[in-house]
Amino acid sequence: MTTKPDCPTTPMQLTAPTPGLITAPEPRDDRTFEMRFTSTPRGARLARRLVAVRLDAWGIPYGAEPHDEIVLIVAELTANAVRHGHVPGRDFHLRVHAPDDGRNVRVEVTDTRAERIPRRPALPDPAGIEETGRGLLLVSGLAARWDWHPSPDGPGKTVWAEYVLPGRTASAAMGKEADAVSRALG
């Protein structure tokens, strides 16, 4: 004998909130994309492609210089997370944030390897014979600024870069300290 519910075709409603169920995200005033990816070349490639689609949806179209440069920043930071920040069994976290003010786009990549930190600032090898290691040079050339900090949620680090969209000044994206520098220079 089997037990059957009274009315199997009637939808049931929860009488009280159930912890652990996924709920719809709260509406946001800004544009943010974040996701975890496997620390593999495939994960980095998927992150780059999803960011490209998201930027297009946010009004930064395919083929536009800002789109291509932001995607290149994402590609370099995620490749570094895979190559230098990989810990077996741990993913990397990507967050791309474009405030509604349209001034800049911030890319953050968090990995779980705290002992391998990027050099500040990214300097080229003086001998110029290295075939790798130029990713952060590209990032520093494309981004208004970049840096890293220890991950607040556990082991690891977050490397971030801010890209200023065209028509905006670097000082608008970087805040008061850049304003002070530009006033001092002239």
N, C-alpha and C. Protein backbone atom coordinates (compact mmCIF):
# COMPACT_ATOMS: atom_id res chain seq x y z
N MET A 1 0.84 -1.16 0.00
CA MET A 1 0.00 0.00 0.00
C MET A 1 0.90 1.24 0.00
N THR A 2 0.53 2.26 -0.80
CA THR A 2 1.30 3.48 -0.85
C THR A 2 0.51 4.61 -0.23
N THR A 3 1.24 5.59 0.24
CA THR A 3 0.59 6.76 0.82
C THR A 3 0.55 7.84 -0.25
N LYS A 4 -0.61 8.43 -0.47
CA LYS A 4 -0.75 9.49 -1.45
C LYS A 4 -1.24 10.75 -0.76
N PRO A 5 -0.77 11.92 -1.22
CA PRO A 5 -1.30 13.14 -0.64
C PRO A 5 -2.77 13.30 -1.01
N ASP A 6 -3.46 14.12 -0.25
CA ASP A 6 -4.89 14.31 -0.47
C ASP A 6 -5.18 14.81 -1.88
N CYS A 7 -4.44 15.79 -2.33
CA CYS A 7 -4.69 16.37 -3.64
C CYS A 7 -3.34 16.68 -4.29
N PRO A 8 -2.78 15.74 -5.06
CA PRO A 8 -1.43 15.90 -5.57
C PRO A 8 -1.29 17.01 -6.62
N THR A 9 -2.38 17.47 -7.22
CA THR A 9 -2.25 18.48 -8.26
C THR A 9 -2.43 19.90 -7.74
N THR A 10 -2.79 20.07 -6.49
CA THR A 10 -2.97 21.39 -5.92
C THR A 10 -1.63 21.91 -5.42
N PRO A 11 -1.26 23.14 -5.84
CA PRO A 11 0.01 23.66 -5.34
C PRO A 11 -0.06 23.92 -3.85
N MET A 12 1.05 23.67 -3.20
CA MET A 12 1.11 23.90 -1.76
C MET A 12 1.84 25.21 -1.51
N GLN A 13 1.47 25.90 -0.47
CA GLN A 13 2.15 27.12 -0.08
C GLN A 13 2.75 26.94 1.29
N LEU A 14 3.93 27.51 1.46
CA LEU A 14 4.58 27.45 2.77
C LEU A 14 3.86 28.39 3.71
N THR A 15 3.65 27.94 4.94
CA THR A 15 2.97 28.78 5.91
C THR A 15 3.93 29.71 6.62
N ALA A 16 5.21 29.37 6.63
CA ALA A 16 6.22 30.21 7.28
C ALA A 16 7.46 30.21 6.39
N PRO A 17 8.27 31.25 6.49
CA PRO A 17 9.51 31.26 5.69
C PRO A 17 10.38 30.07 6.05
N THR A 18 10.96 29.48 5.05
CA THR A 18 11.83 28.34 5.25
C THR A 18 13.26 28.76 4.98
N PRO A 19 14.13 28.66 6.00
CA PRO A 19 15.52 29.05 5.77
C PRO A 19 16.17 28.12 4.75
N GLY A 20 17.05 28.70 3.95
CA GLY A 20 17.78 27.90 2.99
C GLY A 20 17.18 27.89 1.60
N LEU A 21 15.93 28.33 1.46
CA LEU A 21 15.35 28.40 0.13
C LEU A 21 15.86 29.64 -0.59
N ILE A 22 16.06 29.51 -1.87
CA ILE A 22 16.53 30.64 -2.66
C ILE A 22 15.36 31.57 -2.91
N THR A 23 15.57 32.84 -2.67
CA THR A 23 14.52 33.82 -2.92
C THR A 23 14.98 34.75 -4.02
N ALA A 24 14.06 35.49 -4.55
CA ALA A 24 14.39 36.44 -5.61
C ALA A 24 15.31 37.51 -5.04
N PRO A 25 16.30 37.92 -5.82
CA PRO A 25 17.20 38.95 -5.31
C PRO A 25 16.47 40.28 -5.12
N GLU A 26 16.94 41.02 -4.14
CA GLU A 26 16.35 42.32 -3.91
C GLU A 26 16.73 43.25 -5.05
N PRO A 27 15.79 44.14 -5.44
CA PRO A 27 16.13 45.06 -6.54
C PRO A 27 17.30 45.95 -6.15
N ARG A 28 18.18 46.22 -7.12
CA ARG A 28 19.36 47.03 -6.88
C ARG A 28 19.31 48.26 -7.77
N ASP A 29 19.92 49.33 -7.30
CA ASP A 29 20.00 50.54 -8.08
C ASP A 29 21.22 50.52 -9.01
N ASP A 30 22.06 49.52 -8.87
CA ASP A 30 23.28 49.47 -9.68
C ASP A 30 23.31 48.19 -10.48
N ARG A 31 24.32 48.07 -11.29
CA ARG A 31 24.48 46.88 -12.11
C ARG A 31 25.67 46.10 -11.57
N THR A 32 25.38 44.92 -11.06
CA THR A 32 26.42 44.07 -10.49
C THR A 32 26.24 42.64 -11.00
N PHE A 33 27.34 42.05 -11.41
CA PHE A 33 27.36 40.64 -11.81
C PHE A 33 28.41 39.97 -10.95
N GLU A 34 28.03 38.90 -10.27
CA GLU A 34 29.03 38.14 -9.53
C GLU A 34 28.69 36.67 -9.58
N MET A 35 29.78 35.88 -9.60
CA MET A 35 29.62 34.44 -9.73
C MET A 35 30.93 33.75 -9.36
N ARG A 36 30.81 32.50 -8.94
CA ARG A 36 31.99 31.66 -8.68
C ARG A 36 32.25 30.80 -9.91
N PHE A 37 33.53 30.60 -10.20
CA PHE A 37 33.94 29.80 -11.35
C PHE A 37 35.01 28.82 -10.90
N THR A 38 35.10 27.69 -11.60
CA THR A 38 36.16 26.73 -11.28
C THR A 38 37.50 27.36 -11.63
N SER A 39 38.49 27.06 -10.84
CA SER A 39 39.84 27.60 -11.06
C SER A 39 40.55 26.80 -12.14
N THR A 40 40.00 26.89 -13.33
CA THR A 40 40.54 26.20 -14.50
C THR A 40 40.52 27.18 -15.67
N PRO A 41 41.28 26.89 -16.72
CA PRO A 41 41.19 27.75 -17.91
C PRO A 41 39.76 27.85 -18.45
N ARG A 42 39.01 26.76 -18.35
CA ARG A 42 37.61 26.79 -18.80
C ARG A 42 36.79 27.76 -17.95
N GLY A 43 37.03 27.79 -16.65
CA GLY A 43 36.31 28.73 -15.77
C GLY A 43 36.64 30.18 -16.11
N ALA A 44 37.92 30.45 -16.39
CA ALA A 44 38.33 31.81 -16.76
C ALA A 44 37.70 32.22 -18.09
N ARG A 45 37.64 31.29 -19.03
CA ARG A 45 37.05 31.56 -20.34
C ARG A 45 35.55 31.85 -20.21
N LEU A 46 34.86 31.06 -19.39
CA LEU A 46 33.43 31.26 -19.16
C LEU A 46 33.18 32.61 -18.49
N ALA A 47 34.00 32.95 -17.52
CA ALA A 47 33.86 34.25 -16.84
C ALA A 47 33.99 35.38 -17.85
N ARG A 48 34.98 35.30 -18.70
CA ARG A 48 35.19 36.35 -19.72
C ARG A 48 33.98 36.46 -20.64
N ARG A 49 33.45 35.34 -21.08
CA ARG A 49 32.31 35.36 -21.99
C ARG A 49 31.05 35.89 -21.33
N LEU A 50 30.81 35.50 -20.09
CA LEU A 50 29.62 35.99 -19.40
C LEU A 50 29.70 37.49 -19.12
N VAL A 51 30.88 37.98 -18.81
CA VAL A 51 31.05 39.42 -18.60
C VAL A 51 30.82 40.16 -19.91
N ALA A 52 31.28 39.61 -21.03
CA ALA A 52 31.06 40.25 -22.32
C ALA A 52 29.57 40.40 -22.61
N VAL A 53 28.81 39.36 -22.33
CA VAL A 53 27.36 39.41 -22.54
C VAL A 53 26.72 40.43 -21.59
N ARG A 54 27.16 40.42 -20.34
CA ARG A 54 26.59 41.34 -19.35
C ARG A 54 26.89 42.79 -19.69
N LEU A 55 28.11 43.09 -20.11
CA LEU A 55 28.46 44.46 -20.49
C LEU A 55 27.57 44.94 -21.65
N ASP A 56 27.36 44.08 -22.62
CA ASP A 56 26.49 44.43 -23.74
C ASP A 56 25.08 44.74 -23.25
N ALA A 57 24.57 43.95 -22.32
CA ALA A 57 23.24 44.19 -21.77
C ALA A 57 23.19 45.50 -20.98
N TRP A 58 24.31 45.91 -20.42
CA TRP A 58 24.36 47.16 -19.65
C TRP A 58 24.58 48.39 -20.54
N GLY A 59 24.65 48.19 -21.84
CA GLY A 59 24.81 49.32 -22.74
C GLY A 59 26.25 49.62 -23.12
N ILE A 60 27.15 48.70 -22.84
CA ILE A 60 28.55 48.82 -23.30
C ILE A 60 28.69 47.75 -24.37
N PRO A 61 28.42 48.12 -25.64
CA PRO A 61 28.21 47.12 -26.70
C PRO A 61 29.48 46.41 -27.16
N TYR A 62 29.26 45.21 -27.71
CA TYR A 62 30.33 44.45 -28.34
C TYR A 62 31.02 45.32 -29.38
N GLY A 63 32.32 45.17 -29.50
CA GLY A 63 33.07 45.91 -30.50
C GLY A 63 33.48 47.31 -30.09
N ALA A 64 32.87 47.84 -29.05
CA ALA A 64 33.25 49.17 -28.56
C ALA A 64 34.55 49.02 -27.77
N GLU A 65 35.39 50.04 -27.83
CA GLU A 65 36.67 49.98 -27.13
C GLU A 65 36.52 49.71 -25.63
N PRO A 66 35.60 50.39 -24.93
CA PRO A 66 35.46 50.08 -23.49
C PRO A 66 35.08 48.62 -23.25
N HIS A 67 34.20 48.07 -24.07
CA HIS A 67 33.80 46.68 -23.92
C HIS A 67 35.00 45.76 -24.04
N ASP A 68 35.76 45.95 -25.11
CA ASP A 68 36.92 45.09 -25.34
C ASP A 68 37.98 45.23 -24.25
N GLU A 69 38.20 46.45 -23.78
CA GLU A 69 39.22 46.66 -22.75
C GLU A 69 38.79 46.09 -21.40
N ILE A 70 37.51 46.23 -21.05
CA ILE A 70 37.03 45.65 -19.78
C ILE A 70 37.11 44.13 -19.85
N VAL A 71 36.72 43.55 -20.98
CA VAL A 71 36.80 42.10 -21.14
C VAL A 71 38.26 41.64 -21.06
N LEU A 72 39.20 42.41 -21.59
CA LEU A 72 40.62 42.07 -21.48
C LEU A 72 41.08 42.11 -20.02
N ILE A 73 40.62 43.10 -19.27
CA ILE A 73 40.95 43.17 -17.84
C ILE A 73 40.42 41.92 -17.13
N VAL A 74 39.17 41.55 -17.41
CA VAL A 74 38.59 40.35 -16.81
C VAL A 74 39.41 39.12 -17.20
N ALA A 75 39.79 39.03 -18.47
CA ALA A 75 40.57 37.87 -18.93
C ALA A 75 41.89 37.76 -18.19
N GLU A 76 42.58 38.88 -18.03
CA GLU A 76 43.89 38.85 -17.35
C GLU A 76 43.75 38.52 -15.87
N LEU A 77 42.78 39.13 -15.19
CA LEU A 77 42.64 38.88 -13.76
C LEU A 77 42.16 37.46 -13.48
N THR A 78 41.25 36.94 -14.31
CA THR A 78 40.80 35.56 -14.09
C THR A 78 41.88 34.55 -14.45
N ALA A 79 42.65 34.84 -15.50
CA ALA A 79 43.77 33.94 -15.85
C ALA A 79 44.79 33.91 -14.72
N ASN A 80 45.06 35.07 -14.11
CA ASN A 80 45.98 35.10 -12.97
C ASN A 80 45.43 34.31 -11.79
N ALA A 81 44.12 34.41 -11.55
CA ALA A 81 43.51 33.65 -10.45
C ALA A 81 43.67 32.16 -10.68
N VAL A 82 43.54 31.73 -11.93
CA VAL A 82 43.69 30.32 -12.25
C VAL A 82 45.16 29.89 -12.16
N ARG A 83 46.04 30.70 -12.72
CA ARG A 83 47.46 30.31 -12.78
C ARG A 83 48.18 30.49 -11.45
N HIS A 84 47.96 31.60 -10.77
CA HIS A 84 48.73 31.91 -9.57
C HIS A 84 47.95 31.77 -8.26
N GLY A 85 46.63 31.75 -8.34
CA GLY A 85 45.82 31.69 -7.12
C GLY A 85 45.08 30.39 -6.93
N HIS A 86 45.38 29.41 -7.77
CA HIS A 86 44.65 28.14 -7.72
C HIS A 86 45.02 27.31 -6.49
N VAL A 87 44.00 26.88 -5.80
CA VAL A 87 44.14 25.90 -4.72
C VAL A 87 43.20 24.76 -5.10
N PRO A 88 43.69 23.51 -5.16
CA PRO A 88 42.83 22.41 -5.59
C PRO A 88 41.52 22.36 -4.81
N GLY A 89 40.43 22.24 -5.55
CA GLY A 89 39.11 22.14 -4.94
C GLY A 89 38.48 23.48 -4.59
N ARG A 90 39.16 24.57 -4.87
CA ARG A 90 38.61 25.90 -4.55
C ARG A 90 38.38 26.68 -5.83
N ASP A 91 37.29 27.43 -5.85
CA ASP A 91 36.93 28.25 -7.00
C ASP A 91 37.44 29.67 -6.82
N PHE A 92 37.35 30.45 -7.89
CA PHE A 92 37.59 31.89 -7.77
C PHE A 92 36.26 32.60 -7.91
N HIS A 93 36.17 33.77 -7.34
CA HIS A 93 34.94 34.57 -7.35
C HIS A 93 35.18 35.82 -8.19
N LEU A 94 34.26 36.10 -9.08
CA LEU A 94 34.32 37.29 -9.93
C LEU A 94 33.16 38.20 -9.60
N ARG A 95 33.45 39.48 -9.50
CA ARG A 95 32.41 40.50 -9.30
C ARG A 95 32.71 41.66 -10.23
N VAL A 96 31.71 42.04 -11.03
CA VAL A 96 31.83 43.19 -11.92
C VAL A 96 30.71 44.14 -11.52
N HIS A 97 31.09 45.38 -11.25
CA HIS A 97 30.13 46.37 -10.74
C HIS A 97 30.20 47.62 -11.60
N ALA A 98 29.05 48.05 -12.11
CA ALA A 98 28.96 49.28 -12.90
C ALA A 98 27.87 50.15 -12.28
N PRO A 99 28.27 51.14 -11.46
CA PRO A 99 27.27 51.99 -10.83
C PRO A 99 26.40 52.69 -11.88
N ASP A 100 25.18 53.03 -11.50
CA ASP A 100 24.25 53.68 -12.42
C ASP A 100 24.74 55.05 -12.88
N ASP A 101 25.71 55.64 -12.16
CA ASP A 101 26.19 56.96 -12.59
C ASP A 101 26.99 56.87 -13.88
N GLY A 102 27.35 55.65 -14.33
CA GLY A 102 28.01 55.46 -15.61
C GLY A 102 29.45 55.94 -15.67
N ARG A 103 30.08 56.13 -14.55
CA ARG A 103 31.45 56.65 -14.54
C ARG A 103 32.50 55.59 -14.78
N ASN A 104 32.31 54.43 -14.18
CA ASN A 104 33.36 53.42 -14.25
C ASN A 104 32.79 52.03 -14.11
N VAL A 105 33.63 51.06 -14.33
CA VAL A 105 33.31 49.65 -14.11
C VAL A 105 34.43 49.09 -13.25
N ARG A 106 34.05 48.41 -12.18
CA ARG A 106 35.04 47.82 -11.27
C ARG A 106 34.98 46.30 -11.41
N VAL A 107 36.15 45.71 -11.61
CA VAL A 107 36.29 44.25 -11.74
C VAL A 107 37.05 43.76 -10.52
N GLU A 108 36.52 42.75 -9.84
CA GLU A 108 37.18 42.16 -8.67
C GLU A 108 37.25 40.65 -8.86
N VAL A 109 38.43 40.08 -8.66
CA VAL A 109 38.60 38.63 -8.74
C VAL A 109 39.25 38.18 -7.44
N THR A 110 38.57 37.26 -6.76
CA THR A 110 39.05 36.75 -5.48
C THR A 110 39.44 35.29 -5.63
N ASP A 111 40.66 34.97 -5.24
CA ASP A 111 41.09 33.58 -5.21
C ASP A 111 41.43 33.20 -3.77
N THR A 112 41.80 31.96 -3.53
CA THR A 112 42.01 31.50 -2.15
C THR A 112 43.47 31.29 -1.80
N ARG A 113 44.37 31.80 -2.59
CA ARG A 113 45.79 31.62 -2.30
C ARG A 113 46.39 32.95 -1.85
N ALA A 114 46.60 33.08 -0.57
CA ALA A 114 47.03 34.36 0.01
C ALA A 114 48.54 34.59 -0.12
N GLU A 115 49.32 33.53 -0.24
CA GLU A 115 50.78 33.73 -0.23
C GLU A 115 51.33 34.19 -1.58
N ARG A 116 50.57 34.09 -2.65
CA ARG A 116 51.02 34.55 -3.97
C ARG A 116 50.34 35.86 -4.28
N ILE A 117 51.02 36.96 -4.00
CA ILE A 117 50.41 38.27 -4.18
C ILE A 117 51.04 39.00 -5.37
N PRO A 118 50.25 39.83 -6.05
CA PRO A 118 50.81 40.57 -7.19
C PRO A 118 51.74 41.67 -6.73
N ARG A 119 52.72 41.98 -7.56
CA ARG A 119 53.65 43.06 -7.25
C ARG A 119 52.97 44.40 -7.51
N ARG A 120 53.20 45.34 -6.60
CA ARG A 120 52.69 46.71 -6.78
C ARG A 120 53.85 47.62 -7.00
N PRO A 121 53.85 48.47 -7.92
CA PRO A 121 53.04 48.41 -9.14
C PRO A 121 53.58 47.34 -10.05
N ALA A 122 52.81 47.00 -11.06
CA ALA A 122 53.26 45.99 -12.01
C ALA A 122 54.39 46.59 -12.84
N LEU A 123 55.57 46.03 -12.70
CA LEU A 123 56.73 46.54 -13.43
C LEU A 123 57.21 45.50 -14.42
N PRO A 124 57.60 45.93 -15.61
CA PRO A 124 58.11 44.96 -16.58
C PRO A 124 59.46 44.43 -16.14
N ASP A 125 59.76 43.24 -16.62
CA ASP A 125 61.07 42.65 -16.37
C ASP A 125 62.11 43.49 -17.10
N PRO A 126 63.11 44.03 -16.39
CA PRO A 126 64.07 44.91 -17.04
C PRO A 126 64.83 44.22 -18.18
N ALA A 127 65.05 42.93 -18.06
CA ALA A 127 65.77 42.22 -19.11
C ALA A 127 64.89 42.01 -20.34
N GLY A 128 63.56 41.98 -20.12
CA GLY A 128 62.63 41.85 -21.23
C GLY A 128 62.61 40.48 -21.87
N ILE A 129 63.08 39.44 -21.15
CA ILE A 129 63.15 38.11 -21.75
C ILE A 129 62.02 37.20 -21.32
N GLU A 130 61.23 37.61 -20.36
CA GLU A 130 60.13 36.78 -19.88
C GLU A 130 59.04 36.69 -20.95
N GLU A 131 58.52 35.48 -21.16
CA GLU A 131 57.43 35.30 -22.12
C GLU A 131 56.08 35.44 -21.46
N THR A 132 56.03 35.41 -20.14
CA THR A 132 54.77 35.56 -19.41
C THR A 132 54.96 36.67 -18.38
N GLY A 133 53.90 36.96 -17.66
CA GLY A 133 54.00 37.93 -16.58
C GLY A 133 53.70 39.36 -16.97
N ARG A 134 53.06 39.54 -18.10
CA ARG A 134 52.74 40.91 -18.53
C ARG A 134 51.26 41.24 -18.35
N GLY A 135 50.49 40.35 -17.78
CA GLY A 135 49.06 40.56 -17.62
C GLY A 135 48.72 41.78 -16.79
N LEU A 136 49.40 41.94 -15.66
CA LEU A 136 49.11 43.11 -14.82
C LEU A 136 49.62 44.40 -15.45
N LEU A 137 50.61 44.30 -16.33
CA LEU A 137 51.03 45.49 -17.08
C LEU A 137 49.90 45.94 -18.00
N LEU A 138 49.24 44.99 -18.64
CA LEU A 138 48.07 45.32 -19.46
C LEU A 138 46.97 45.94 -18.61
N VAL A 139 46.70 45.32 -17.47
CA VAL A 139 45.66 45.83 -16.58
C VAL A 139 46.00 47.25 -16.14
N SER A 140 47.25 47.50 -15.74
CA SER A 140 47.59 48.85 -15.29
C SER A 140 47.57 49.85 -16.43
N GLY A 141 47.76 49.40 -17.67
CA GLY A 141 47.66 50.30 -18.81
C GLY A 141 46.23 50.63 -19.19
N LEU A 142 45.32 49.71 -18.94
CA LEU A 142 43.92 49.90 -19.32
C LEU A 142 43.07 50.51 -18.21
N ALA A 143 43.37 50.14 -16.98
CA ALA A 143 42.55 50.58 -15.85
C ALA A 143 43.04 51.92 -15.31
N ALA A 144 42.10 52.68 -14.75
CA ALA A 144 42.47 53.94 -14.09
C ALA A 144 43.32 53.65 -12.86
N ARG A 145 43.01 52.55 -12.20
CA ARG A 145 43.80 52.11 -11.05
C ARG A 145 43.48 50.65 -10.77
N TRP A 146 44.41 49.99 -10.10
CA TRP A 146 44.21 48.61 -9.69
C TRP A 146 45.00 48.39 -8.41
N ASP A 147 44.64 47.35 -7.69
CA ASP A 147 45.34 47.02 -6.46
C ASP A 147 44.84 45.64 -6.00
N TRP A 148 45.23 45.25 -4.82
CA TRP A 148 44.76 44.01 -4.24
C TRP A 148 44.64 44.22 -2.73
N HIS A 149 43.86 43.35 -2.09
CA HIS A 149 43.74 43.35 -0.63
C HIS A 149 43.42 41.93 -0.18
N PRO A 150 43.75 41.61 1.07
CA PRO A 150 43.41 40.28 1.58
C PRO A 150 41.89 40.08 1.56
N SER A 151 41.48 38.86 1.31
CA SER A 151 40.05 38.55 1.26
C SER A 151 39.46 38.66 2.66
N PRO A 152 38.37 39.41 2.84
CA PRO A 152 37.79 39.56 4.17
C PRO A 152 37.02 38.32 4.62
N ASP A 153 36.66 37.42 3.67
CA ASP A 153 35.82 36.28 3.99
C ASP A 153 36.57 34.99 4.26
N GLY A 154 37.89 35.03 4.26
CA GLY A 154 38.63 33.80 4.47
C GLY A 154 40.00 33.92 3.84
N PRO A 155 40.63 32.77 3.60
CA PRO A 155 41.97 32.84 3.02
C PRO A 155 41.90 33.35 1.59
N GLY A 156 42.94 34.03 1.19
CA GLY A 156 43.02 34.48 -0.19
C GLY A 156 43.17 35.97 -0.33
N LYS A 157 42.97 36.43 -1.57
CA LYS A 157 43.13 37.85 -1.88
C LYS A 157 42.15 38.24 -2.97
N THR A 158 41.88 39.52 -3.04
CA THR A 158 41.05 40.07 -4.11
C THR A 158 41.91 41.06 -4.90
N VAL A 159 41.99 40.84 -6.19
CA VAL A 159 42.67 41.78 -7.08
C VAL A 159 41.56 42.52 -7.82
N TRP A 160 41.64 43.84 -7.82
CA TRP A 160 40.58 44.64 -8.45
C TRP A 160 41.17 45.67 -9.39
N ALA A 161 40.35 46.10 -10.32
CA ALA A 161 40.74 47.14 -11.27
C ALA A 161 39.51 47.99 -11.58
N GLU A 162 39.72 49.29 -11.71
CA GLU A 162 38.64 50.20 -12.09
C GLU A 162 38.91 50.78 -13.46
N TYR A 163 37.94 50.65 -14.32
CA TYR A 163 38.03 51.16 -15.69
C TYR A 163 37.12 52.38 -15.80
N VAL A 164 37.66 53.51 -16.24
CA VAL A 164 36.88 54.72 -16.42
C VAL A 164 36.28 54.71 -17.82
N LEU A 165 34.97 54.85 -17.90
CA LEU A 165 34.30 54.87 -19.19
C LEU A 165 34.56 56.19 -19.92
N PRO A 166 34.57 56.17 -21.24
CA PRO A 166 34.85 57.39 -22.01
C PRO A 166 33.87 58.50 -21.67
N GLY A 167 34.37 59.73 -21.78
CA GLY A 167 33.54 60.87 -21.45
C GLY A 167 33.58 61.22 -19.98
N ARG A 168 34.27 60.42 -19.23
CA ARG A 168 34.41 60.65 -17.79
C ARG A 168 35.87 60.91 -17.50
N THR A 169 36.13 61.72 -16.54
CA THR A 169 37.53 61.98 -16.17
C THR A 169 37.99 60.94 -15.18
N ALA A 170 39.26 60.71 -15.16
CA ALA A 170 39.81 59.76 -14.19
C ALA A 170 39.54 60.24 -12.78
N SER A 171 39.53 61.55 -12.59
CA SER A 171 39.29 62.06 -11.23
C SER A 171 37.87 61.77 -10.78
N ALA A 172 36.92 61.72 -11.70
CA ALA A 172 35.55 61.40 -11.31
C ALA A 172 35.46 59.98 -10.79
N ALA A 173 36.25 59.09 -11.36
CA ALA A 173 36.22 57.70 -10.92
C ALA A 173 37.08 57.48 -9.68
N MET A 174 38.16 58.22 -9.57
CA MET A 174 39.10 57.94 -8.48
C MET A 174 38.86 58.80 -7.25
N GLY A 175 38.02 59.80 -7.33
CA GLY A 175 37.66 60.53 -6.14
C GLY A 175 38.54 61.71 -5.85
N LYS A 176 38.49 62.14 -4.62
CA LYS A 176 39.13 63.38 -4.18
C LYS A 176 40.64 63.39 -4.33
N GLU A 177 41.29 62.24 -4.13
CA GLU A 177 42.75 62.26 -4.20
C GLU A 177 43.24 62.59 -5.61
N ALA A 178 42.57 62.13 -6.62
CA ALA A 178 42.96 62.48 -7.99
C ALA A 178 42.66 63.95 -8.27
N ASP A 179 41.56 64.48 -7.74
CA ASP A 179 41.25 65.90 -7.89
C ASP A 179 42.36 66.75 -7.29
N ALA A 180 42.84 66.35 -6.14
CA ALA A 180 43.89 67.11 -5.46
C ALA A 180 45.18 67.08 -6.29
N VAL A 181 45.48 65.92 -6.87
CA VAL A 181 46.70 65.81 -7.69
C VAL A 181 46.59 66.70 -8.92
N SER A 182 45.43 66.68 -9.59
CA SER A 182 45.29 67.49 -10.80
C SER A 182 45.31 68.97 -10.48
N ARG A 183 44.78 69.38 -9.33
CA ARG A 183 44.85 70.80 -8.93
C ARG A 183 46.29 71.19 -8.64
N ALA A 184 47.04 70.29 -8.05
CA ALA A 184 48.44 70.60 -7.71
C ALA A 184 49.30 70.72 -8.97
N LEU A 185 48.94 69.95 -10.01
CA LEU A 185 49.73 69.97 -11.22
C LEU A 185 49.36 71.12 -12.14
N GLY A 186 48.23 71.70 -11.93
CA GLY A 186 48.06 72.78 -12.83
C GLY A 186 46.78 73.38 -13.05
